[in-house]
Amino acid sequence: MKKILAVEDSKVSQAHLRDILEGAYEVRVEEDGASALSAVVEMPPDLILLDVNLPVMNGYDVCRRLKGDVRTREIPIIFLTGCDSGGEKVKGFEAGADDYIVKPFHPEELLARVSLHLASRREKQMALELERLKLLREMAVAISHEFNNPLTAILWHLRLASRDVGDEEKVRTHLSDMQLELDKIRRIVARLAEASRDAKTEYVMGEAMIDVNRI
């Protein structure tokens, strides 16, 4: 079941949100911005319903903090407010909100907006998985190609060394060439070992994956 965090200081509004959402979603309620920030890190929700007028820290500041943190920036945030002015909506979107619902709202509207943003997040997650699979496939091809050339050379020199086993000079030459090819493999392994540190690319949702083009 998808988890929703509702940040709302009004007991009446809290009860109203629970009535609408519970059953379809797992609902957690926090009454102020500081508690909400802690709750998000402790148990990340799939979506946040955020009241604008909160004690101590208003909803805009909470939203900016969440959208500025790589751990939480991809969680959809829907502002809930009694103010319908264009300026307030602009402030909400500038703070990073994904949507804006004016109170009082119809339960069907809230459910539709929540469902829409959860579906959008699922699509982003699927895009990330597809990108990861594509990168893994490219990495497999690149690694296969990198290892294939020296391994082919080693097998060839082994074959020649077996053929020339009676000629000590030729055997030493083949062994020397094999050592060079083994050194190539060692360097490839060393590059792969450092790839996680030196060849990462930032992708959506705060993910970092190895970029084979930089290995």
N, C-alpha and C. Protein backbone atom coordinates (compact mmCIF):
# COMPACT_ATOMS: atom_id res chain seq x y z
N MET A 1 0.85 -1.20 0.00
CA MET A 1 0.00 0.00 0.00
C MET A 1 0.89 1.25 0.00
N LYS A 2 0.56 2.21 -0.84
CA LYS A 2 1.34 3.44 -0.93
C LYS A 2 1.18 4.26 0.35
N LYS A 3 2.26 4.93 0.73
CA LYS A 3 2.29 5.71 1.98
C LYS A 3 2.17 7.20 1.66
N ILE A 4 1.28 7.86 2.37
CA ILE A 4 1.09 9.30 2.21
C ILE A 4 1.35 9.99 3.54
N LEU A 5 2.16 11.03 3.50
CA LEU A 5 2.39 11.87 4.68
C LEU A 5 1.57 13.15 4.53
N ALA A 6 0.67 13.38 5.48
CA ALA A 6 -0.13 14.61 5.49
C ALA A 6 0.42 15.53 6.58
N VAL A 7 0.84 16.71 6.20
CA VAL A 7 1.38 17.68 7.16
C VAL A 7 0.33 18.78 7.32
N GLU A 8 -0.37 18.72 8.45
CA GLU A 8 -1.54 19.57 8.67
C GLU A 8 -1.71 19.79 10.16
N ASP A 9 -1.81 21.06 10.59
CA ASP A 9 -1.92 21.33 12.03
C ASP A 9 -3.36 21.38 12.52
N SER A 10 -4.33 21.41 11.62
CA SER A 10 -5.73 21.46 12.02
C SER A 10 -6.26 20.05 12.26
N LYS A 11 -6.79 19.80 13.46
CA LYS A 11 -7.33 18.48 13.77
C LYS A 11 -8.50 18.13 12.85
N VAL A 12 -9.32 19.13 12.54
CA VAL A 12 -10.46 18.90 11.65
C VAL A 12 -9.97 18.48 10.27
N SER A 13 -8.96 19.19 9.74
CA SER A 13 -8.42 18.85 8.42
C SER A 13 -7.73 17.50 8.44
N GLN A 14 -7.07 17.18 9.53
CA GLN A 14 -6.44 15.87 9.66
C GLN A 14 -7.48 14.76 9.55
N ALA A 15 -8.57 14.90 10.28
CA ALA A 15 -9.64 13.90 10.25
C ALA A 15 -10.24 13.79 8.86
N HIS A 16 -10.40 14.95 8.19
CA HIS A 16 -10.98 14.97 6.84
C HIS A 16 -10.08 14.21 5.86
N LEU A 17 -8.78 14.44 5.95
CA LEU A 17 -7.84 13.76 5.06
C LEU A 17 -7.83 12.26 5.32
N ARG A 18 -7.86 11.88 6.58
CA ARG A 18 -7.91 10.45 6.91
C ARG A 18 -9.16 9.80 6.34
N ASP A 19 -10.30 10.47 6.49
CA ASP A 19 -11.56 9.92 5.98
C ASP A 19 -11.48 9.67 4.47
N ILE A 20 -10.82 10.58 3.76
CA ILE A 20 -10.75 10.46 2.29
C ILE A 20 -9.74 9.40 1.86
N LEU A 21 -8.61 9.35 2.54
CA LEU A 21 -7.48 8.57 2.03
C LEU A 21 -7.32 7.18 2.63
N GLU A 22 -7.67 7.04 3.91
CA GLU A 22 -7.43 5.75 4.56
C GLU A 22 -8.30 4.67 3.92
N GLY A 23 -7.71 3.52 3.78
CA GLY A 23 -8.36 2.42 3.06
C GLY A 23 -7.68 2.21 1.73
N ALA A 24 -7.45 3.33 1.01
CA ALA A 24 -6.72 3.25 -0.26
C ALA A 24 -5.22 3.44 -0.05
N TYR A 25 -4.87 4.19 1.00
CA TYR A 25 -3.45 4.49 1.26
C TYR A 25 -3.16 4.37 2.75
N GLU A 26 -1.87 4.20 3.04
CA GLU A 26 -1.41 4.25 4.43
C GLU A 26 -1.08 5.70 4.75
N VAL A 27 -1.79 6.27 5.71
CA VAL A 27 -1.70 7.70 5.99
C VAL A 27 -0.98 7.95 7.31
N ARG A 28 -0.01 8.85 7.27
CA ARG A 28 0.67 9.32 8.48
C ARG A 28 0.49 10.83 8.55
N VAL A 29 0.23 11.33 9.75
CA VAL A 29 -0.02 12.76 9.92
C VAL A 29 1.03 13.38 10.83
N GLU A 30 1.55 14.54 10.42
CA GLU A 30 2.43 15.36 11.25
C GLU A 30 1.85 16.76 11.30
N GLU A 31 2.10 17.46 12.43
CA GLU A 31 1.44 18.74 12.65
C GLU A 31 2.32 19.95 12.40
N ASP A 32 3.62 19.76 12.20
CA ASP A 32 4.49 20.91 11.96
C ASP A 32 5.62 20.52 11.01
N GLY A 33 6.31 21.55 10.50
CA GLY A 33 7.32 21.32 9.48
C GLY A 33 8.50 20.51 9.96
N ALA A 34 8.99 20.80 11.17
CA ALA A 34 10.16 20.09 11.68
C ALA A 34 9.88 18.60 11.83
N SER A 35 8.70 18.28 12.39
CA SER A 35 8.32 16.87 12.53
C SER A 35 8.16 16.20 11.18
N ALA A 36 7.65 16.95 10.22
CA ALA A 36 7.48 16.40 8.88
C ALA A 36 8.82 16.05 8.24
N LEU A 37 9.80 16.94 8.38
CA LEU A 37 11.13 16.68 7.81
C LEU A 37 11.75 15.43 8.42
N SER A 38 11.60 15.27 9.72
CA SER A 38 12.14 14.08 10.39
C SER A 38 11.41 12.83 9.93
N ALA A 39 10.10 12.92 9.79
CA ALA A 39 9.30 11.77 9.38
C ALA A 39 9.65 11.30 7.97
N VAL A 40 9.91 12.26 7.09
CA VAL A 40 10.23 11.91 5.71
C VAL A 40 11.54 11.13 5.63
N VAL A 41 12.53 11.56 6.40
CA VAL A 41 13.82 10.86 6.40
C VAL A 41 13.70 9.50 7.08
N GLU A 42 12.94 9.46 8.17
CA GLU A 42 12.78 8.22 8.94
C GLU A 42 12.04 7.15 8.15
N MET A 43 10.95 7.53 7.51
CA MET A 43 10.15 6.58 6.74
C MET A 43 9.61 7.30 5.51
N PRO A 44 10.39 7.33 4.41
CA PRO A 44 10.01 8.11 3.22
C PRO A 44 8.63 7.71 2.68
N PRO A 45 7.74 8.68 2.53
CA PRO A 45 6.42 8.40 1.94
C PRO A 45 6.50 8.39 0.42
N ASP A 46 5.43 7.95 -0.20
CA ASP A 46 5.35 7.98 -1.66
C ASP A 46 4.83 9.32 -2.15
N LEU A 47 4.17 10.07 -1.26
CA LEU A 47 3.62 11.38 -1.63
C LEU A 47 3.39 12.17 -0.36
N ILE A 48 3.49 13.50 -0.46
CA ILE A 48 3.29 14.38 0.69
C ILE A 48 2.20 15.39 0.39
N LEU A 49 1.24 15.50 1.32
CA LEU A 49 0.23 16.56 1.29
C LEU A 49 0.67 17.59 2.32
N LEU A 50 0.92 18.81 1.88
CA LEU A 50 1.59 19.78 2.73
C LEU A 50 0.76 21.06 2.85
N ASP A 51 0.33 21.34 4.08
CA ASP A 51 -0.37 22.59 4.34
C ASP A 51 0.62 23.75 4.26
N VAL A 52 0.19 24.88 3.75
CA VAL A 52 1.07 26.04 3.63
C VAL A 52 1.29 26.70 4.99
N ASN A 53 0.21 26.92 5.72
CA ASN A 53 0.28 27.65 6.99
C ASN A 53 0.52 26.68 8.14
N LEU A 54 1.80 26.50 8.47
CA LEU A 54 2.20 25.61 9.56
C LEU A 54 2.92 26.43 10.62
N PRO A 55 2.89 25.99 11.87
CA PRO A 55 3.60 26.71 12.93
C PRO A 55 5.11 26.58 12.77
N VAL A 56 5.82 27.64 13.12
CA VAL A 56 7.28 27.73 13.14
C VAL A 56 7.86 27.75 11.73
N MET A 57 7.68 26.68 10.99
CA MET A 57 8.22 26.58 9.63
C MET A 57 7.06 26.40 8.65
N ASN A 58 6.87 27.36 7.73
CA ASN A 58 5.73 27.25 6.82
C ASN A 58 5.97 26.19 5.74
N GLY A 59 4.91 25.89 5.03
CA GLY A 59 4.98 24.83 4.02
C GLY A 59 5.97 25.11 2.91
N TYR A 60 6.13 26.38 2.53
CA TYR A 60 7.09 26.71 1.47
C TYR A 60 8.51 26.34 1.88
N ASP A 61 8.86 26.66 3.14
CA ASP A 61 10.20 26.33 3.62
C ASP A 61 10.41 24.82 3.71
N VAL A 62 9.39 24.12 4.16
CA VAL A 62 9.47 22.65 4.23
C VAL A 62 9.69 22.08 2.84
N CYS A 63 8.94 22.59 1.89
CA CYS A 63 9.04 22.11 0.51
C CYS A 63 10.44 22.36 -0.05
N ARG A 64 10.97 23.54 0.17
CA ARG A 64 12.31 23.85 -0.33
C ARG A 64 13.35 22.91 0.26
N ARG A 65 13.20 22.63 1.56
CA ARG A 65 14.16 21.72 2.21
C ARG A 65 14.08 20.32 1.59
N LEU A 66 12.88 19.85 1.37
CA LEU A 66 12.71 18.50 0.83
C LEU A 66 13.20 18.41 -0.62
N LYS A 67 12.90 19.43 -1.40
CA LYS A 67 13.31 19.41 -2.81
C LYS A 67 14.81 19.68 -2.97
N GLY A 68 15.43 20.22 -1.93
CA GLY A 68 16.87 20.46 -1.99
C GLY A 68 17.70 19.29 -1.48
N ASP A 69 17.04 18.25 -1.00
CA ASP A 69 17.73 17.08 -0.45
C ASP A 69 17.63 15.94 -1.46
N VAL A 70 18.78 15.39 -1.85
CA VAL A 70 18.80 14.33 -2.86
C VAL A 70 17.99 13.11 -2.41
N ARG A 71 17.86 12.93 -1.10
CA ARG A 71 17.13 11.77 -0.59
C ARG A 71 15.63 11.91 -0.74
N THR A 72 15.13 13.14 -0.84
CA THR A 72 13.69 13.36 -0.80
C THR A 72 13.15 14.17 -1.98
N ARG A 73 14.02 14.62 -2.86
CA ARG A 73 13.59 15.58 -3.88
C ARG A 73 12.62 15.00 -4.90
N GLU A 74 12.58 13.68 -5.04
CA GLU A 74 11.68 13.10 -6.04
C GLU A 74 10.31 12.73 -5.47
N ILE A 75 10.10 12.95 -4.18
CA ILE A 75 8.79 12.66 -3.59
C ILE A 75 7.81 13.76 -4.01
N PRO A 76 6.68 13.40 -4.64
CA PRO A 76 5.71 14.43 -5.05
C PRO A 76 5.14 15.16 -3.84
N ILE A 77 5.03 16.48 -3.97
CA ILE A 77 4.47 17.31 -2.90
C ILE A 77 3.28 18.08 -3.46
N ILE A 78 2.14 17.93 -2.79
CA ILE A 78 0.93 18.67 -3.16
C ILE A 78 0.61 19.63 -2.03
N PHE A 79 0.59 20.92 -2.35
CA PHE A 79 0.24 21.92 -1.34
C PHE A 79 -1.27 21.94 -1.12
N LEU A 80 -1.66 22.08 0.15
CA LEU A 80 -3.05 22.28 0.52
C LEU A 80 -3.16 23.65 1.19
N THR A 81 -4.03 24.52 0.69
CA THR A 81 -4.13 25.86 1.24
C THR A 81 -5.51 26.45 1.02
N GLY A 82 -5.87 27.36 1.90
CA GLY A 82 -7.14 28.06 1.75
C GLY A 82 -7.03 29.29 0.90
N CYS A 83 -5.83 29.62 0.45
CA CYS A 83 -5.61 30.83 -0.35
C CYS A 83 -5.60 30.49 -1.84
N ASP A 84 -6.45 31.16 -2.59
CA ASP A 84 -6.58 30.86 -4.02
C ASP A 84 -5.94 31.92 -4.91
N SER A 85 -5.08 32.77 -4.36
CA SER A 85 -4.49 33.83 -5.17
C SER A 85 -3.41 33.28 -6.09
N GLY A 86 -3.26 33.93 -7.23
CA GLY A 86 -2.25 33.50 -8.19
C GLY A 86 -0.85 33.61 -7.63
N GLY A 87 -0.61 34.66 -6.82
CA GLY A 87 0.72 34.86 -6.24
C GLY A 87 1.12 33.73 -5.32
N GLU A 88 0.15 33.24 -4.53
CA GLU A 88 0.44 32.14 -3.62
C GLU A 88 0.74 30.85 -4.38
N LYS A 89 0.03 30.64 -5.46
CA LYS A 89 0.29 29.44 -6.27
C LYS A 89 1.69 29.51 -6.89
N VAL A 90 2.05 30.69 -7.36
CA VAL A 90 3.39 30.86 -7.94
C VAL A 90 4.44 30.57 -6.88
N LYS A 91 4.26 31.07 -5.66
CA LYS A 91 5.20 30.82 -4.58
C LYS A 91 5.32 29.32 -4.32
N GLY A 92 4.20 28.62 -4.38
CA GLY A 92 4.21 27.18 -4.15
C GLY A 92 5.02 26.44 -5.19
N PHE A 93 4.81 26.78 -6.45
CA PHE A 93 5.54 26.10 -7.51
C PHE A 93 7.02 26.51 -7.51
N GLU A 94 7.29 27.75 -7.17
CA GLU A 94 8.69 28.18 -7.06
C GLU A 94 9.42 27.44 -5.95
N ALA A 95 8.69 27.08 -4.92
CA ALA A 95 9.28 26.32 -3.81
C ALA A 95 9.55 24.87 -4.20
N GLY A 96 8.95 24.44 -5.33
CA GLY A 96 9.21 23.09 -5.81
C GLY A 96 8.02 22.16 -5.77
N ALA A 97 6.84 22.69 -5.40
CA ALA A 97 5.66 21.83 -5.30
C ALA A 97 5.30 21.24 -6.66
N ASP A 98 4.72 20.05 -6.62
CA ASP A 98 4.27 19.39 -7.85
C ASP A 98 2.83 19.73 -8.17
N ASP A 99 2.06 20.16 -7.17
CA ASP A 99 0.66 20.50 -7.42
C ASP A 99 0.16 21.38 -6.27
N TYR A 100 -1.06 21.91 -6.45
CA TYR A 100 -1.59 22.91 -5.53
C TYR A 100 -3.10 22.73 -5.48
N ILE A 101 -3.64 22.40 -4.30
CA ILE A 101 -5.09 22.20 -4.14
C ILE A 101 -5.62 23.22 -3.15
N VAL A 102 -6.67 23.90 -3.52
CA VAL A 102 -7.26 24.94 -2.67
C VAL A 102 -8.37 24.33 -1.82
N LYS A 103 -8.34 24.65 -0.53
CA LYS A 103 -9.42 24.24 0.38
C LYS A 103 -10.59 25.22 0.25
N PRO A 104 -11.80 24.75 0.43
CA PRO A 104 -12.20 23.34 0.57
C PRO A 104 -12.18 22.63 -0.79
N PHE A 105 -11.88 21.37 -0.79
CA PHE A 105 -11.80 20.60 -2.03
C PHE A 105 -12.74 19.40 -1.96
N HIS A 106 -13.12 18.91 -3.11
CA HIS A 106 -13.94 17.70 -3.17
C HIS A 106 -13.04 16.49 -2.97
N PRO A 107 -13.51 15.49 -2.23
CA PRO A 107 -12.71 14.29 -2.04
C PRO A 107 -12.24 13.66 -3.34
N GLU A 108 -13.11 13.70 -4.36
CA GLU A 108 -12.75 13.11 -5.65
C GLU A 108 -11.58 13.84 -6.29
N GLU A 109 -11.52 15.17 -6.09
CA GLU A 109 -10.41 15.93 -6.66
C GLU A 109 -9.10 15.53 -5.99
N LEU A 110 -9.11 15.43 -4.67
CA LEU A 110 -7.89 15.05 -3.95
C LEU A 110 -7.43 13.66 -4.37
N LEU A 111 -8.34 12.72 -4.43
CA LEU A 111 -7.99 11.35 -4.81
C LEU A 111 -7.42 11.31 -6.23
N ALA A 112 -8.03 12.09 -7.12
CA ALA A 112 -7.55 12.11 -8.51
C ALA A 112 -6.14 12.69 -8.60
N ARG A 113 -5.90 13.78 -7.88
CA ARG A 113 -4.56 14.39 -7.92
C ARG A 113 -3.52 13.45 -7.31
N VAL A 114 -3.85 12.84 -6.20
CA VAL A 114 -2.92 11.91 -5.56
C VAL A 114 -2.59 10.75 -6.49
N SER A 115 -3.63 10.18 -7.10
CA SER A 115 -3.43 9.06 -8.02
C SER A 115 -2.57 9.46 -9.21
N LEU A 116 -2.80 10.66 -9.73
CA LEU A 116 -2.04 11.15 -10.89
C LEU A 116 -0.56 11.26 -10.56
N HIS A 117 -0.23 11.85 -9.41
CA HIS A 117 1.18 12.06 -9.08
C HIS A 117 1.87 10.76 -8.68
N LEU A 118 1.16 9.84 -8.06
CA LEU A 118 1.75 8.54 -7.77
C LEU A 118 2.05 7.78 -9.06
N ALA A 119 1.15 7.89 -10.03
CA ALA A 119 1.38 7.24 -11.33
C ALA A 119 2.58 7.86 -12.04
N SER A 120 2.69 9.19 -11.94
CA SER A 120 3.83 9.87 -12.57
C SER A 120 5.14 9.43 -11.93
N ARG A 121 5.13 9.26 -10.62
CA ARG A 121 6.36 8.81 -9.95
C ARG A 121 6.72 7.38 -10.35
N ARG A 122 5.70 6.53 -10.51
CA ARG A 122 5.97 5.16 -10.96
C ARG A 122 6.61 5.17 -12.33
N GLU A 123 6.14 6.07 -13.21
CA GLU A 123 6.73 6.15 -14.55
C GLU A 123 8.19 6.57 -14.48
N LYS A 124 8.52 7.51 -13.59
CA LYS A 124 9.92 7.93 -13.43
C LYS A 124 10.78 6.77 -12.93
N GLN A 125 10.23 6.00 -11.98
CA GLN A 125 10.97 4.86 -11.45
C GLN A 125 11.20 3.81 -12.52
N MET A 126 10.19 3.59 -13.36
CA MET A 126 10.34 2.63 -14.46
C MET A 126 11.38 3.11 -15.46
N ALA A 127 11.38 4.42 -15.73
CA ALA A 127 12.38 4.97 -16.65
C ALA A 127 13.78 4.77 -16.10
N LEU A 128 13.93 4.93 -14.79
CA LEU A 128 15.23 4.72 -14.15
C LEU A 128 15.67 3.27 -14.29
N GLU A 129 14.74 2.34 -14.07
CA GLU A 129 15.09 0.92 -14.20
C GLU A 129 15.48 0.57 -15.63
N LEU A 130 14.76 1.12 -16.59
CA LEU A 130 15.10 0.87 -17.99
C LEU A 130 16.48 1.43 -18.32
N GLU A 131 16.79 2.62 -17.79
CA GLU A 131 18.09 3.22 -18.02
C GLU A 131 19.19 2.38 -17.39
N ARG A 132 18.90 1.85 -16.20
CA ARG A 132 19.89 1.00 -15.52
C ARG A 132 20.15 -0.27 -16.32
N LEU A 133 19.07 -0.89 -16.81
CA LEU A 133 19.23 -2.11 -17.60
C LEU A 133 20.00 -1.84 -18.89
N LYS A 134 19.71 -0.71 -19.52
CA LYS A 134 20.43 -0.34 -20.73
C LYS A 134 21.91 -0.17 -20.45
N LEU A 135 22.23 0.50 -19.33
CA LEU A 135 23.62 0.74 -18.98
C LEU A 135 24.35 -0.57 -18.66
N LEU A 136 23.65 -1.48 -17.95
CA LEU A 136 24.25 -2.78 -17.65
C LEU A 136 24.54 -3.56 -18.92
N ARG A 137 23.62 -3.47 -19.88
CA ARG A 137 23.84 -4.17 -21.15
C ARG A 137 25.04 -3.58 -21.88
N GLU A 138 25.13 -2.27 -21.91
CA GLU A 138 26.28 -1.62 -22.56
C GLU A 138 27.58 -1.98 -21.85
N MET A 139 27.51 -2.04 -20.51
CA MET A 139 28.71 -2.39 -19.76
C MET A 139 29.16 -3.82 -20.08
N ALA A 140 28.19 -4.73 -20.15
CA ALA A 140 28.53 -6.13 -20.46
C ALA A 140 29.20 -6.25 -21.82
N VAL A 141 28.68 -5.52 -22.80
CA VAL A 141 29.26 -5.55 -24.14
C VAL A 141 30.66 -4.96 -24.12
N ALA A 142 30.82 -3.82 -23.43
CA ALA A 142 32.13 -3.16 -23.38
C ALA A 142 33.17 -4.03 -22.68
N ILE A 143 32.78 -4.63 -21.56
CA ILE A 143 33.72 -5.48 -20.82
C ILE A 143 34.09 -6.71 -21.63
N SER A 144 33.09 -7.29 -22.27
CA SER A 144 33.36 -8.46 -23.12
C SER A 144 34.37 -8.13 -24.21
N HIS A 145 34.19 -6.97 -24.83
CA HIS A 145 35.11 -6.56 -25.90
C HIS A 145 36.51 -6.30 -25.34
N GLU A 146 36.57 -5.63 -24.17
CA GLU A 146 37.86 -5.30 -23.57
C GLU A 146 38.66 -6.56 -23.24
N PHE A 147 37.98 -7.57 -22.71
CA PHE A 147 38.68 -8.79 -22.31
C PHE A 147 38.95 -9.72 -23.49
N ASN A 148 38.12 -9.64 -24.50
CA ASN A 148 38.24 -10.60 -25.60
C ASN A 148 39.56 -10.47 -26.35
N ASN A 149 39.99 -9.24 -26.61
CA ASN A 149 41.21 -9.05 -27.40
C ASN A 149 42.46 -9.64 -26.73
N PRO A 150 42.76 -9.31 -25.46
CA PRO A 150 43.95 -9.92 -24.85
C PRO A 150 43.81 -11.42 -24.64
N LEU A 151 42.61 -11.90 -24.34
CA LEU A 151 42.43 -13.34 -24.15
C LEU A 151 42.66 -14.09 -25.46
N THR A 152 42.19 -13.51 -26.55
CA THR A 152 42.43 -14.14 -27.86
C THR A 152 43.92 -14.20 -28.17
N ALA A 153 44.63 -13.10 -27.84
CA ALA A 153 46.07 -13.07 -28.07
C ALA A 153 46.80 -14.09 -27.21
N ILE A 154 46.38 -14.24 -25.96
CA ILE A 154 47.01 -15.22 -25.07
C ILE A 154 46.83 -16.64 -25.61
N LEU A 155 45.63 -16.95 -26.03
CA LEU A 155 45.36 -18.29 -26.57
C LEU A 155 46.20 -18.54 -27.83
N TRP A 156 46.36 -17.52 -28.63
CA TRP A 156 47.16 -17.65 -29.85
C TRP A 156 48.63 -17.92 -29.52
N HIS A 157 49.15 -17.19 -28.54
CA HIS A 157 50.55 -17.40 -28.16
C HIS A 157 50.76 -18.75 -27.48
N LEU A 158 49.78 -19.21 -26.73
CA LEU A 158 49.88 -20.55 -26.16
C LEU A 158 49.96 -21.62 -27.25
N ARG A 159 49.16 -21.40 -28.26
CA ARG A 159 49.17 -22.35 -29.38
C ARG A 159 50.53 -22.33 -30.07
N LEU A 160 51.07 -21.13 -30.28
CA LEU A 160 52.38 -21.03 -30.93
C LEU A 160 53.48 -21.60 -30.03
N ALA A 161 53.39 -21.35 -28.72
CA ALA A 161 54.40 -21.88 -27.80
C ALA A 161 54.38 -23.40 -27.79
N SER A 162 53.18 -23.98 -27.87
CA SER A 162 53.09 -25.44 -27.92
C SER A 162 53.72 -25.98 -29.19
N ARG A 163 53.51 -25.24 -30.26
CA ARG A 163 54.08 -25.67 -31.54
C ARG A 163 55.60 -25.56 -31.54
N ASP A 164 56.12 -24.50 -30.88
CA ASP A 164 57.56 -24.23 -30.89
C ASP A 164 58.24 -24.67 -29.60
N VAL A 165 57.68 -25.67 -28.91
CA VAL A 165 58.18 -26.07 -27.61
C VAL A 165 59.66 -26.45 -27.62
N GLY A 166 60.17 -26.88 -28.77
CA GLY A 166 61.58 -27.25 -28.86
C GLY A 166 62.51 -26.08 -29.07
N ASP A 167 61.94 -24.92 -29.39
CA ASP A 167 62.77 -23.74 -29.66
C ASP A 167 62.65 -22.80 -28.45
N GLU A 168 63.65 -22.82 -27.59
CA GLU A 168 63.59 -22.07 -26.33
C GLU A 168 63.41 -20.57 -26.55
N GLU A 169 64.08 -20.01 -27.56
CA GLU A 169 64.00 -18.57 -27.81
C GLU A 169 62.58 -18.16 -28.21
N LYS A 170 61.98 -18.95 -29.10
CA LYS A 170 60.60 -18.63 -29.52
C LYS A 170 59.63 -18.77 -28.36
N VAL A 171 59.81 -19.81 -27.54
CA VAL A 171 58.92 -19.99 -26.39
C VAL A 171 59.01 -18.80 -25.44
N ARG A 172 60.25 -18.32 -25.18
CA ARG A 172 60.41 -17.15 -24.32
C ARG A 172 59.71 -15.92 -24.90
N THR A 173 59.77 -15.78 -26.24
CA THR A 173 59.09 -14.65 -26.90
C THR A 173 57.58 -14.74 -26.71
N HIS A 174 57.04 -15.97 -26.90
CA HIS A 174 55.60 -16.16 -26.72
C HIS A 174 55.19 -15.89 -25.28
N LEU A 175 55.98 -16.35 -24.33
CA LEU A 175 55.67 -16.12 -22.92
C LEU A 175 55.73 -14.63 -22.59
N SER A 176 56.69 -13.92 -23.17
CA SER A 176 56.79 -12.47 -22.96
C SER A 176 55.57 -11.76 -23.51
N ASP A 177 55.13 -12.18 -24.71
CA ASP A 177 53.94 -11.57 -25.31
C ASP A 177 52.70 -11.86 -24.47
N MET A 178 52.62 -13.09 -23.93
CA MET A 178 51.48 -13.43 -23.08
C MET A 178 51.48 -12.57 -21.82
N GLN A 179 52.67 -12.29 -21.28
CA GLN A 179 52.77 -11.44 -20.11
C GLN A 179 52.25 -10.03 -20.41
N LEU A 180 52.54 -9.53 -21.59
CA LEU A 180 52.05 -8.22 -21.98
C LEU A 180 50.52 -8.21 -22.04
N GLU A 181 49.95 -9.27 -22.59
CA GLU A 181 48.49 -9.35 -22.70
C GLU A 181 47.86 -9.49 -21.31
N LEU A 182 48.50 -10.25 -20.42
CA LEU A 182 47.99 -10.38 -19.05
C LEU A 182 48.06 -9.04 -18.32
N ASP A 183 49.08 -8.26 -18.61
CA ASP A 183 49.18 -6.92 -18.03
C ASP A 183 48.02 -6.04 -18.49
N LYS A 184 47.60 -6.22 -19.75
CA LYS A 184 46.44 -5.47 -20.26
C LYS A 184 45.19 -5.83 -19.46
N ILE A 185 45.02 -7.13 -19.21
CA ILE A 185 43.85 -7.56 -18.44
C ILE A 185 43.90 -6.99 -17.02
N ARG A 186 45.09 -7.00 -16.42
CA ARG A 186 45.24 -6.44 -15.08
C ARG A 186 44.86 -4.97 -15.05
N ARG A 187 45.26 -4.22 -16.09
CA ARG A 187 44.92 -2.80 -16.16
C ARG A 187 43.41 -2.60 -16.34
N ILE A 188 42.78 -3.47 -17.12
CA ILE A 188 41.33 -3.38 -17.31
C ILE A 188 40.62 -3.61 -15.98
N VAL A 189 41.07 -4.62 -15.23
CA VAL A 189 40.46 -4.91 -13.92
C VAL A 189 40.65 -3.74 -12.98
N ALA A 190 41.83 -3.12 -13.01
CA ALA A 190 42.09 -1.97 -12.14
C ALA A 190 41.17 -0.80 -12.50
N ARG A 191 40.96 -0.58 -13.80
CA ARG A 191 40.06 0.50 -14.23
C ARG A 191 38.63 0.24 -13.76
N LEU A 192 38.19 -1.02 -13.87
CA LEU A 192 36.85 -1.37 -13.43
C LEU A 192 36.70 -1.18 -11.92
N ALA A 193 37.75 -1.50 -11.18
CA ALA A 193 37.70 -1.36 -9.72
C ALA A 193 37.53 0.09 -9.31
N GLU A 194 38.08 1.02 -10.11
CA GLU A 194 37.99 2.44 -9.78
C GLU A 194 36.80 3.12 -10.44
N ALA A 195 36.07 2.36 -11.27
CA ALA A 195 35.00 2.99 -12.05
C ALA A 195 33.90 3.56 -11.15
N SER A 196 33.59 2.88 -10.05
CA SER A 196 32.52 3.37 -9.18
C SER A 196 32.85 4.72 -8.57
N ARG A 197 34.16 5.04 -8.46
CA ARG A 197 34.55 6.32 -7.89
C ARG A 197 34.75 7.39 -8.95
N ASP A 198 35.30 7.00 -10.09
CA ASP A 198 35.75 7.99 -11.07
C ASP A 198 34.86 8.10 -12.30
N ALA A 199 33.91 7.20 -12.48
CA ALA A 199 33.15 7.20 -13.73
C ALA A 199 31.65 7.10 -13.48
N LYS A 200 31.15 7.92 -12.53
CA LYS A 200 29.73 7.89 -12.24
C LYS A 200 29.01 9.02 -12.93
N THR A 201 27.76 8.75 -13.31
CA THR A 201 26.91 9.76 -13.93
C THR A 201 25.63 9.86 -13.12
N GLU A 202 25.19 11.07 -12.81
CA GLU A 202 23.96 11.26 -12.07
C GLU A 202 22.76 11.05 -12.99
N TYR A 203 21.81 10.25 -12.51
CA TYR A 203 20.59 10.02 -13.25
C TYR A 203 19.41 10.53 -12.42
N VAL A 204 18.20 10.23 -12.85
CA VAL A 204 17.02 10.72 -12.14
C VAL A 204 16.92 10.09 -10.77
N MET A 205 16.16 10.74 -9.88
CA MET A 205 15.85 10.23 -8.56
C MET A 205 17.08 10.03 -7.69
N GLY A 206 18.11 10.82 -7.96
CA GLY A 206 19.27 10.77 -7.11
C GLY A 206 20.17 9.57 -7.31
N GLU A 207 19.93 8.80 -8.35
CA GLU A 207 20.74 7.61 -8.61
C GLU A 207 22.02 7.99 -9.33
N ALA A 208 23.08 7.27 -9.02
CA ALA A 208 24.35 7.43 -9.72
C ALA A 208 24.77 6.08 -10.26
N MET A 209 25.06 6.00 -11.56
CA MET A 209 25.41 4.74 -12.17
C MET A 209 26.72 4.88 -12.93
N ILE A 210 27.43 3.79 -13.07
CA ILE A 210 28.72 3.81 -13.77
C ILE A 210 28.50 4.12 -15.25
N ASP A 211 29.24 5.04 -15.77
CA ASP A 211 29.20 5.40 -17.19
C ASP A 211 30.32 4.67 -17.90
N VAL A 212 29.96 3.66 -18.69
CA VAL A 212 31.00 2.85 -19.34
C VAL A 212 31.81 3.65 -20.34
N ASN A 213 31.27 4.73 -20.82
CA ASN A 213 32.03 5.54 -21.79
C ASN A 213 33.20 6.26 -21.14
N ARG A 214 33.22 6.32 -19.79
CA ARG A 214 34.29 7.02 -19.08
C ARG A 214 35.24 6.07 -18.36
N ILE A 215 35.04 4.76 -18.53
CA ILE A 215 35.93 3.79 -17.92
C ILE A 215 37.23 3.67 -18.71
